[in-house]
């Protein structure tokens, strides 16, 4: 799917594209989030398109959200990109992995697996690639949780969604603090306006994506409802009409059967 839409911030210079088939090996934000030059000619593309950078991420997401409000097909394709975040159980497990002094001792060393959500002291896991050794930096802080959960070679949008999910979890914790995602990732140093703008634009897109998912869930639930079978009413044969009375009335009517007198030619 390929959809063009206008830029809110710079409509005379650029326009954006969501292209579900596009691919870049190392996009700064996301391969499917793209832009091109318009030279003031509406959505007419006067250049090749390229993957957006973090500098344009806030405007791209805000512009995307305005289109998602009316374009269900676009929302359907954008949902996966916008909701790629760790689950609450993943975050809670990562927070529970905290280094102890006993972990320095080889005989008591512990290992964890984020994919299986398991923490063990079994030395059989030492060479298991699914497991990592509990290290001193595993201290249950948002930074440690992020480091444990973020996939290798994650692009900018995934980094942001992970940071956002962990921050939302940390807000419910009493002794943890985490900066807003863009600040945590050290994007736009010193420019809090850009940090806030990106946060609002991302939240708008995320809300629309979740609303679409909830609508799909509701439709699935309704499809599981089977109304009870309704028995067809019994067929009642209509009685034969009684023509006896009608014939008697016609016979008694003196006008019935009379004909006009014939006039000789």
C-alpha atoms as a PDB file:
ATOM      1  CA  UNK A   1       0.000   0.000   0.000  1.00  0.00           C
ATOM      2  CA  UNK A   2       1.265   3.465  -0.890  1.00  0.00           C
ATOM      3  CA  UNK A   3      -0.502   6.604   0.354  1.00  0.00           C
ATOM      4  CA  UNK A   4       0.625  10.196  -0.079  1.00  0.00           C
ATOM      5  CA  UNK A   5      -0.400  12.979   2.293  1.00  0.00           C
ATOM      6  CA  UNK A   6       0.492  16.603   2.896  1.00  0.00           C
ATOM      7  CA  UNK A   7       2.876  17.918   5.533  1.00  0.00           C
ATOM      8  CA  UNK A   8       1.272  20.064   8.223  1.00  0.00           C
ATOM      9  CA  UNK A   9       4.437  22.004   9.069  1.00  0.00           C
ATOM     10  CA  UNK A  10       5.954  22.434   5.585  1.00  0.00           C
ATOM     11  CA  UNK A  11       3.233  21.889   2.942  1.00  0.00           C
ATOM     12  CA  UNK A  12       5.028  24.059   0.365  1.00  0.00           C
ATOM     13  CA  UNK A  13       8.248  22.053   0.540  1.00  0.00           C
ATOM     14  CA  UNK A  14       7.544  18.425   1.340  1.00  0.00           C
ATOM     15  CA  UNK A  15       4.881  15.747   1.331  1.00  0.00           C
ATOM     16  CA  UNK A  16       4.881  12.367   2.996  1.00  0.00           C
ATOM     17  CA  UNK A  17       4.278   8.764   1.976  1.00  0.00           C
ATOM     18  CA  UNK A  18       3.318   5.653   3.872  1.00  0.00           C
ATOM     19  CA  UNK A  19       4.628   2.799   1.729  1.00  0.00           C
ATOM     20  CA  UNK A  20       4.134  -0.688   3.155  1.00  0.00           C
ATOM     21  CA  UNK A  21       6.402  -2.187   0.469  1.00  0.00           C
ATOM     22  CA  UNK A  22       9.368   0.149   0.919  1.00  0.00           C
ATOM     23  CA  UNK A  23      12.508  -1.147   2.588  1.00  0.00           C
ATOM     24  CA  UNK A  24      15.741   0.458   3.796  1.00  0.00           C
ATOM     25  CA  UNK A  25      18.411  -1.574   5.557  1.00  0.00           C
ATOM     26  CA  UNK A  26      19.136   1.072   8.212  1.00  0.00           C
ATOM     27  CA  UNK A  27      16.292   3.596   8.411  1.00  0.00           C
ATOM     28  CA  UNK A  28      16.617   6.259  11.076  1.00  0.00           C
ATOM     29  CA  UNK A  29      12.885   6.048  11.902  1.00  0.00           C
ATOM     30  CA  UNK A  30      11.059   3.451   9.776  1.00  0.00           C
ATOM     31  CA  UNK A  31      11.367   2.162   6.208  1.00  0.00           C
ATOM     32  CA  UNK A  32       7.663   2.723   5.520  1.00  0.00           C
ATOM     33  CA  UNK A  33       7.695   6.362   6.686  1.00  0.00           C
ATOM     34  CA  UNK A  34       8.922   8.372   3.684  1.00  0.00           C
ATOM     35  CA  UNK A  35       8.972  11.893   2.261  1.00  0.00           C
ATOM     36  CA  UNK A  36       9.639  13.703  -1.009  1.00  0.00           C
ATOM     37  CA  UNK A  37      10.066  17.255  -2.331  1.00  0.00           C
ATOM     38  CA  UNK A  38       7.049  19.000  -3.894  1.00  0.00           C
ATOM     39  CA  UNK A  39       8.445  22.468  -4.689  1.00  0.00           C
ATOM     40  CA  UNK A  40       5.058  23.919  -3.806  1.00  0.00           C
ATOM     41  CA  UNK A  41       3.154  21.698  -6.245  1.00  0.00           C
ATOM     42  CA  UNK A  42       0.693  20.024  -3.859  1.00  0.00           C
ATOM     43  CA  UNK A  43       1.206  16.267  -3.689  1.00  0.00           C
ATOM     44  CA  UNK A  44       2.940  16.140  -7.062  1.00  0.00           C
ATOM     45  CA  UNK A  45       6.204  14.266  -6.514  1.00  0.00           C
ATOM     46  CA  UNK A  46       9.202  16.113  -7.972  1.00  0.00           C
ATOM     47  CA  UNK A  47      11.873  13.843  -6.492  1.00  0.00           C
ATOM     48  CA  UNK A  48      12.438  10.321  -5.357  1.00  0.00           C
ATOM     49  CA  UNK A  49      11.246   9.565  -1.836  1.00  0.00           C
ATOM     50  CA  UNK A  50      13.436   8.703   1.119  1.00  0.00           C
ATOM     51  CA  UNK A  51      12.964   7.478   4.692  1.00  0.00           C
ATOM     52  CA  UNK A  52      12.293  10.309   7.126  1.00  0.00           C
ATOM     53  CA  UNK A  53      14.743  11.285   9.855  1.00  0.00           C
ATOM     54  CA  UNK A  54      13.961  12.015  13.497  1.00  0.00           C
ATOM     55  CA  UNK A  55      13.919  15.729  12.620  1.00  0.00           C
ATOM     56  CA  UNK A  56      10.718  15.171  10.608  1.00  0.00           C
ATOM     57  CA  UNK A  57       9.235  12.451  12.815  1.00  0.00           C
ATOM     58  CA  UNK A  58       6.854  14.700  14.785  1.00  0.00           C
ATOM     59  CA  UNK A  59       5.443  16.395  11.679  1.00  0.00           C
ATOM     60  CA  UNK A  60       5.153  13.069   9.871  1.00  0.00           C
ATOM     61  CA  UNK A  61       3.182  11.463  12.703  1.00  0.00           C
ATOM     62  CA  UNK A  62       0.927  14.495  13.170  1.00  0.00           C
ATOM     63  CA  UNK A  63       0.221  14.586   9.429  1.00  0.00           C
ATOM     64  CA  UNK A  64      -0.319  10.812   9.397  1.00  0.00           C
ATOM     65  CA  UNK A  65      -2.832  11.054  12.251  1.00  0.00           C
ATOM     66  CA  UNK A  66      -5.001  13.535  10.360  1.00  0.00           C
ATOM     67  CA  UNK A  67      -5.207  11.114   7.432  1.00  0.00           C
ATOM     68  CA  UNK A  68      -5.798   8.060   9.629  1.00  0.00           C
ATOM     69  CA  UNK A  69      -8.949   9.728  10.987  1.00  0.00           C
ATOM     70  CA  UNK A  70     -10.685   9.131   7.646  1.00  0.00           C
ATOM     71  CA  UNK A  71      -8.629   6.386   5.973  1.00  0.00           C
ATOM     72  CA  UNK A  72      -9.305   2.976   7.522  1.00  0.00           C
ATOM     73  CA  UNK A  73      -7.122   1.138   5.015  1.00  0.00           C
ATOM     74  CA  UNK A  74      -4.114   3.291   5.928  1.00  0.00           C
ATOM     75  CA  UNK A  75      -4.806   2.789   9.635  1.00  0.00           C
ATOM     76  CA  UNK A  76      -4.960  -0.969   9.117  1.00  0.00           C
ATOM     77  CA  UNK A  77      -1.474  -1.014   7.595  1.00  0.00           C
ATOM     78  CA  UNK A  78       0.038   1.465  10.067  1.00  0.00           C
ATOM     79  CA  UNK A  79      -1.174  -0.349  13.196  1.00  0.00           C
ATOM     80  CA  UNK A  80       1.699  -2.828  13.344  1.00  0.00           C
ATOM     81  CA  UNK A  81       4.370  -0.141  13.065  1.00  0.00           C
ATOM     82  CA  UNK A  82       2.782   1.990  15.772  1.00  0.00           C
ATOM     83  CA  UNK A  83       2.054  -0.711  18.351  1.00  0.00           C
ATOM     84  CA  UNK A  84       5.344  -2.625  18.278  1.00  0.00           C
ATOM     85  CA  UNK A  85       6.097  -2.346  21.995  1.00  0.00           C
ATOM     86  CA  UNK A  86       6.971  -4.709  24.862  1.00  0.00           C
ATOM     87  CA  UNK A  87       4.121  -6.200  26.858  1.00  0.00           C
ATOM     88  CA  UNK A  88       3.473  -5.327  30.479  1.00  0.00           C
ATOM     89  CA  UNK A  89       4.653  -8.807  31.495  1.00  0.00           C
ATOM     90  CA  UNK A  90       7.939  -8.281  29.625  1.00  0.00           C
ATOM     91  CA  UNK A  91       8.538  -4.990  31.411  1.00  0.00           C
ATOM     92  CA  UNK A  92       7.671  -6.414  34.824  1.00  0.00           C
ATOM     93  CA  UNK A  93      10.010  -9.351  34.320  1.00  0.00           C
ATOM     94  CA  UNK A  94      12.893  -7.118  33.236  1.00  0.00           C
ATOM     95  CA  UNK A  95      12.322  -4.927  36.295  1.00  0.00           C
ATOM     96  CA  UNK A  96      12.575  -7.981  38.547  1.00  0.00           C
ATOM     97  CA  UNK A  97      16.068  -8.901  37.326  1.00  0.00           C
ATOM     98  CA  UNK A  98      18.346  -7.122  39.816  1.00  0.00           C
ATOM     99  CA  UNK A  99      22.025  -7.820  40.371  1.00  0.00           C
ATOM    100  CA  UNK A 100      23.106  -9.246  43.748  1.00  0.00           C
ATOM    101  CA  UNK A 101      26.575  -9.485  45.228  1.00  0.00           C
ATOM    102  CA  UNK A 102      26.275 -13.278  45.073  1.00  0.00           C
ATOM    103  CA  UNK A 103      26.125 -12.982  41.262  1.00  0.00           C
ATOM    104  CA  UNK A 104      29.847 -12.210  41.320  1.00  0.00           C
ATOM    105  CA  UNK A 105      30.513 -15.752  42.487  1.00  0.00           C
ATOM    106  CA  UNK A 106      30.703 -18.087  39.516  1.00  0.00           C
ATOM    107  CA  UNK A 107      29.049 -20.886  41.473  1.00  0.00           C
ATOM    108  CA  UNK A 108      26.047 -18.664  42.282  1.00  0.00           C
ATOM    109  CA  UNK A 109      25.853 -16.723  39.048  1.00  0.00           C
ATOM    110  CA  UNK A 110      22.362 -16.254  37.601  1.00  0.00           C
ATOM    111  CA  UNK A 111      21.099 -16.048  34.031  1.00  0.00           C
ATOM    112  CA  UNK A 112      17.947 -14.553  32.535  1.00  0.00           C
ATOM    113  CA  UNK A 113      15.965 -14.906  29.332  1.00  0.00           C
ATOM    114  CA  UNK A 114      13.648 -12.084  28.292  1.00  0.00           C
ATOM    115  CA  UNK A 115      12.038 -14.200  25.579  1.00  0.00           C
ATOM    116  CA  UNK A 116      11.062 -16.902  28.094  1.00  0.00           C
ATOM    117  CA  UNK A 117      10.782 -14.586  31.121  1.00  0.00           C
ATOM    118  CA  UNK A 118      12.932 -16.892  33.229  1.00  0.00           C
ATOM    119  CA  UNK A 119      15.651 -16.252  35.817  1.00  0.00           C
ATOM    120  CA  UNK A 120      17.810 -19.208  36.839  1.00  0.00           C
ATOM    121  CA  UNK A 121      21.111 -20.116  38.492  1.00  0.00           C
ATOM    122  CA  UNK A 122      21.477 -23.250  36.382  1.00  0.00           C
ATOM    123  CA  UNK A 123      24.977 -23.353  34.905  1.00  0.00           C
ATOM    124  CA  UNK A 124      23.537 -25.252  31.949  1.00  0.00           C
ATOM    125  CA  UNK A 125      22.261 -21.857  30.701  1.00  0.00           C
ATOM    126  CA  UNK A 126      25.752 -20.385  30.517  1.00  0.00           C
ATOM    127  CA  UNK A 127      26.093 -21.214  26.828  1.00  0.00           C
ATOM    128  CA  UNK A 128      22.398 -21.016  25.972  1.00  0.00           C
ATOM    129  CA  UNK A 129      22.023 -18.109  23.510  1.00  0.00           C
ATOM    130  CA  UNK A 130      18.558 -17.341  24.831  1.00  0.00           C
ATOM    131  CA  UNK A 131      20.052 -16.420  28.212  1.00  0.00           C
ATOM    132  CA  UNK A 132      22.217 -13.553  29.424  1.00  0.00           C
ATOM    133  CA  UNK A 133      24.310 -13.312  32.559  1.00  0.00           C
ATOM    134  CA  UNK A 134      22.927 -11.034  35.273  1.00  0.00           C
ATOM    135  CA  UNK A 135      25.330  -8.070  35.312  1.00  0.00           C
ATOM    136  CA  UNK A 136      25.871  -5.064  37.559  1.00  0.00           C
ATOM    137  CA  UNK A 137      23.876  -2.799  35.234  1.00  0.00           C
ATOM    138  CA  UNK A 138      20.770  -4.966  35.800  1.00  0.00           C
ATOM    139  CA  UNK A 139      19.330  -2.762  38.523  1.00  0.00           C
ATOM    140  CA  UNK A 140      15.607  -2.605  37.690  1.00  0.00           C
ATOM    141  CA  UNK A 141      15.719   0.998  36.462  1.00  0.00           C
ATOM    142  CA  UNK A 142      13.953   2.137  33.249  1.00  0.00           C
ATOM    143  CA  UNK A 143      17.328   2.399  31.518  1.00  0.00           C
ATOM    144  CA  UNK A 144      18.187  -1.203  32.432  1.00  0.00           C
ATOM    145  CA  UNK A 145      14.740  -2.443  31.420  1.00  0.00           C
ATOM    146  CA  UNK A 146      15.078  -0.696  28.058  1.00  0.00           C
ATOM    147  CA  UNK A 147      18.546  -2.157  27.503  1.00  0.00           C
ATOM    148  CA  UNK A 148      17.274  -5.654  28.274  1.00  0.00           C
ATOM    149  CA  UNK A 149      14.217  -5.505  26.027  1.00  0.00           C
ATOM    150  CA  UNK A 150      15.146  -3.403  22.997  1.00  0.00           C
ATOM    151  CA  UNK A 151      15.723  -5.649  19.940  1.00  0.00           C
ATOM    152  CA  UNK A 152      19.051  -5.657  18.174  1.00  0.00           C
ATOM    153  CA  UNK A 153      19.259  -3.208  15.269  1.00  0.00           C
ATOM    154  CA  UNK A 154      15.996  -1.508  16.287  1.00  0.00           C
ATOM    155  CA  UNK A 155      15.117   1.542  14.203  1.00  0.00           C
ATOM    156  CA  UNK A 156      13.962   4.858  15.618  1.00  0.00           C
ATOM    157  CA  UNK A 157      10.230   4.162  15.766  1.00  0.00           C
ATOM    158  CA  UNK A 158      10.763   0.900  17.648  1.00  0.00           C
ATOM    159  CA  UNK A 159      13.149   2.629  20.035  1.00  0.00           C
ATOM    160  CA  UNK A 160      10.517   5.273  20.696  1.00  0.00           C
ATOM    161  CA  UNK A 161       7.651   2.797  21.203  1.00  0.00           C
ATOM    162  CA  UNK A 162       9.734   0.781  23.690  1.00  0.00           C
ATOM    163  CA  UNK A 163      10.781   3.884  25.597  1.00  0.00           C
ATOM    164  CA  UNK A 164       7.184   5.112  25.659  1.00  0.00           C
ATOM    165  CA  UNK A 165       5.820   1.797  26.978  1.00  0.00           C
ATOM    166  CA  UNK A 166       8.470   1.610  29.719  1.00  0.00           C
ATOM    167  CA  UNK A 167       7.869   5.223  30.741  1.00  0.00           C
ATOM    168  CA  UNK A 168       4.103   4.655  30.982  1.00  0.00           C
ATOM    169  CA  UNK A 169       4.795   1.683  33.269  1.00  0.00           C
ATOM    170  CA  UNK A 170       7.265   3.685  35.373  1.00  0.00           C
ATOM    171  CA  UNK A 171       4.657   6.386  36.041  1.00  0.00           C
ATOM    172  CA  UNK A 172       2.784   3.886  38.213  1.00  0.00           C
ATOM    173  CA  UNK A 173       5.896   3.021  40.238  1.00  0.00           C
ATOM    174  CA  UNK A 174       6.706   4.934  43.409  1.00  0.00           C
ATOM    175  CA  UNK A 175      10.492   5.153  43.230  1.00  0.00           C
ATOM    176  CA  UNK A 176      11.191   5.266  39.503  1.00  0.00           C
ATOM    177  CA  UNK A 177      11.499   8.269  37.205  1.00  0.00           C
ATOM    178  CA  UNK A 178      11.979   8.336  33.474  1.00  0.00           C
ATOM    179  CA  UNK A 179      12.221  11.257  31.062  1.00  0.00           C
ATOM    180  CA  UNK A 180       9.897  11.561  28.111  1.00  0.00           C
ATOM    181  CA  UNK A 181      10.857   9.108  25.359  1.00  0.00           C
ATOM    182  CA  UNK A 182      12.650  11.582  23.089  1.00  0.00           C
ATOM    183  CA  UNK A 183      14.623  12.970  26.045  1.00  0.00           C
ATOM    184  CA  UNK A 184      15.448   9.465  27.228  1.00  0.00           C
ATOM    185  CA  UNK A 185      16.769   8.651  23.735  1.00  0.00           C
ATOM    186  CA  UNK A 186      18.734  11.931  23.718  1.00  0.00           C
ATOM    187  CA  UNK A 187      16.910  13.265  20.650  1.00  0.00           C
ATOM    188  CA  UNK A 188      16.638  17.060  20.273  1.00  0.00           C
ATOM    189  CA  UNK A 189      18.942  17.937  23.235  1.00  0.00           C
ATOM    190  CA  UNK A 190      17.720  21.059  24.982  1.00  0.00           C
ATOM    191  CA  UNK A 191      14.650  21.480  22.743  1.00  0.00           C
ATOM    192  CA  UNK A 192      11.726  20.513  24.950  1.00  0.00           C
ATOM    193  CA  UNK A 193       9.182  21.862  22.452  1.00  0.00           C
ATOM    194  CA  UNK A 194      10.238  19.249  19.886  1.00  0.00           C
ATOM    195  CA  UNK A 195      10.124  16.581  22.570  1.00  0.00           C
ATOM    196  CA  UNK A 196       6.555  17.555  23.486  1.00  0.00           C
ATOM    197  CA  UNK A 197       5.469  17.882  19.856  1.00  0.00           C
ATOM    198  CA  UNK A 198       6.712  14.389  19.068  1.00  0.00           C
ATOM    199  CA  UNK A 199       5.010  13.001  22.159  1.00  0.00           C
ATOM    200  CA  UNK A 200       1.626  14.473  21.208  1.00  0.00           C
ATOM    201  CA  UNK A 201       1.921  13.399  17.556  1.00  0.00           C
ATOM    202  CA  UNK A 202       2.887   9.839  18.499  1.00  0.00           C
ATOM    203  CA  UNK A 203       0.101   9.581  21.081  1.00  0.00           C
ATOM    204  CA  UNK A 204      -2.439  10.725  18.482  1.00  0.00           C
ATOM    205  CA  UNK A 205      -1.369   7.992  16.058  1.00  0.00           C
ATOM    206  CA  UNK A 206      -1.202   5.399  18.829  1.00  0.00           C
ATOM    207  CA  UNK A 207      -4.714   6.248  20.019  1.00  0.00           C
ATOM    208  CA  UNK A 208      -6.093   5.858  16.497  1.00  0.00           C
ATOM    209  CA  UNK A 209      -4.261   2.546  16.088  1.00  0.00           C
ATOM    210  CA  UNK A 210      -5.661   1.236  19.383  1.00  0.00           C
ATOM    211  CA  UNK A 211      -9.147   2.437  18.476  1.00  0.00           C
ATOM    212  CA  UNK A 212      -8.909   0.456  15.240  1.00  0.00           C
ATOM    213  CA  UNK A 213      -7.782  -2.642  17.157  1.00  0.00           C
ATOM    214  CA  UNK A 214     -10.665  -2.279  19.624  1.00  0.00           C
ATOM    215  CA  UNK A 215     -13.131  -1.908  16.765  1.00  0.00           C
ATOM    216  CA  UNK A 216     -11.803  -5.097  15.176  1.00  0.00           C
ATOM    217  CA  UNK A 217     -12.099  -6.862  18.554  1.00  0.00           C
ATOM    218  CA  UNK A 218     -15.718  -5.718  18.868  1.00  0.00           C
ATOM    219  CA  UNK A 219     -16.558  -6.982  15.383  1.00  0.00           C
ATOM    220  CA  UNK A 220     -14.955 -10.343  16.153  1.00  0.00           C
ATOM    221  CA  UNK A 221     -17.001 -10.644  19.345  1.00  0.00           C
ATOM    222  CA  UNK A 222     -20.202  -9.829  17.506  1.00  0.00           C
ATOM    223  CA  UNK A 223     -19.417 -12.451  14.867  1.00  0.00           C
ATOM    224  CA  UNK A 224     -19.255 -15.067  17.639  1.00  0.00           C
ATOM    225  CA  UNK A 225     -22.846 -14.384  18.626  1.00  0.00           C
ATOM    226  CA  UNK A 226     -25.262 -16.941  17.149  1.00  0.00           C
ATOM    227  CA  UNK A 227     -28.875 -15.856  17.538  1.00  0.00           C
ATOM    228  CA  UNK A 228     -31.266 -18.674  18.605  1.00  0.00           C
ATOM    229  CA  UNK A 229     -33.083 -20.401  15.797  1.00  0.00           C
ATOM    230  CA  UNK A 230     -36.642 -19.111  15.327  1.00  0.00           C
ATOM    231  CA  UNK A 231     -39.237 -21.750  14.476  1.00  0.00           C
ATOM    232  CA  UNK A 232     -41.297 -20.936  11.441  1.00  0.00           C
ATOM    233  CA  UNK A 233     -45.011 -20.495  12.239  1.00  0.00           C
ATOM    234  CA  UNK A 234     -47.232 -23.464  11.374  1.00  0.00           C
ATOM    235  CA  UNK A 235     -48.877 -23.197   8.001  1.00  0.00           C
ATOM    236  CA  UNK A 236     -52.664 -22.831   8.363  1.00  0.00           C
ATOM    237  CA  UNK A 237     -54.697 -23.675   5.285  1.00  0.00           C
ATOM    238  CA  UNK A 238     -57.208 -21.020   4.360  1.00  0.00           C
ATOM    239  CA  UNK A 239     -60.882 -22.277   4.230  1.00  0.00           C
ATOM    240  CA  UNK A 240     -62.538 -22.755   0.849  1.00  0.00           C
ATOM    241  CA  UNK A 241     -64.764 -19.774   0.019  1.00  0.00           C
ATOM    242  CA  UNK A 242     -68.543 -20.494   0.369  1.00  0.00           C
ATOM    243  CA  UNK A 243     -70.183 -19.533  -2.944  1.00  0.00           C
ATOM    244  CA  UNK A 244     -73.705 -20.859  -2.153  1.00  0.00           C
ATOM    245  CA  UNK A 245     -74.905 -17.613  -0.587  1.00  0.00           C
ATOM    246  CA  UNK A 246     -73.500 -15.555  -3.452  1.00  0.00           C
ATOM    247  CA  UNK A 247     -75.308 -17.632  -6.087  1.00  0.00           C
ATOM    248  CA  UNK A 248     -78.617 -17.347  -4.188  1.00  0.00           C
ATOM    249  CA  UNK A 249     -78.300 -13.569  -4.030  1.00  0.00           C
ATOM    250  CA  UNK A 250     -77.638 -13.345  -7.737  1.00  0.00           C
ATOM    251  CA  UNK A 251     -80.665 -15.508  -8.532  1.00  0.00           C
ATOM    252  CA  UNK A 252     -82.925 -13.295  -6.438  1.00  0.00           C
ATOM    253  CA  UNK A 253     -81.778 -10.101  -8.113  1.00  0.00           C
ATOM    254  CA  UNK A 254     -84.285  -9.255 -10.921  1.00  0.00           C
ATOM    255  CA  UNK A 255     -81.723  -7.218 -12.818  1.00  0.00           C
ATOM    256  CA  UNK A 256     -79.359 -10.120 -13.143  1.00  0.00           C
ATOM    257  CA  UNK A 257     -79.757 -11.930 -16.422  1.00  0.00           C
ATOM    258  CA  UNK A 258     -81.711  -9.141 -18.183  1.00  0.00           C
ATOM    259  CA  UNK A 259     -80.403  -8.104 -21.551  1.00  0.00           C
ATOM    260  CA  UNK A 260     -80.816  -4.983 -23.610  1.00  0.00           C
ATOM    261  CA  UNK A 261     -83.685  -5.227 -26.141  1.00  0.00           C
ATOM    262  CA  UNK A 262     -82.502  -5.932 -29.680  1.00  0.00           C
ATOM    263  CA  UNK A 263     -83.359  -3.269 -32.248  1.00  0.00           C
ATOM    264  CA  UNK A 264     -83.963  -4.449 -35.758  1.00  0.00           C
ATOM    265  CA  UNK A 265     -81.689  -2.968 -38.291  1.00  0.00           C
END
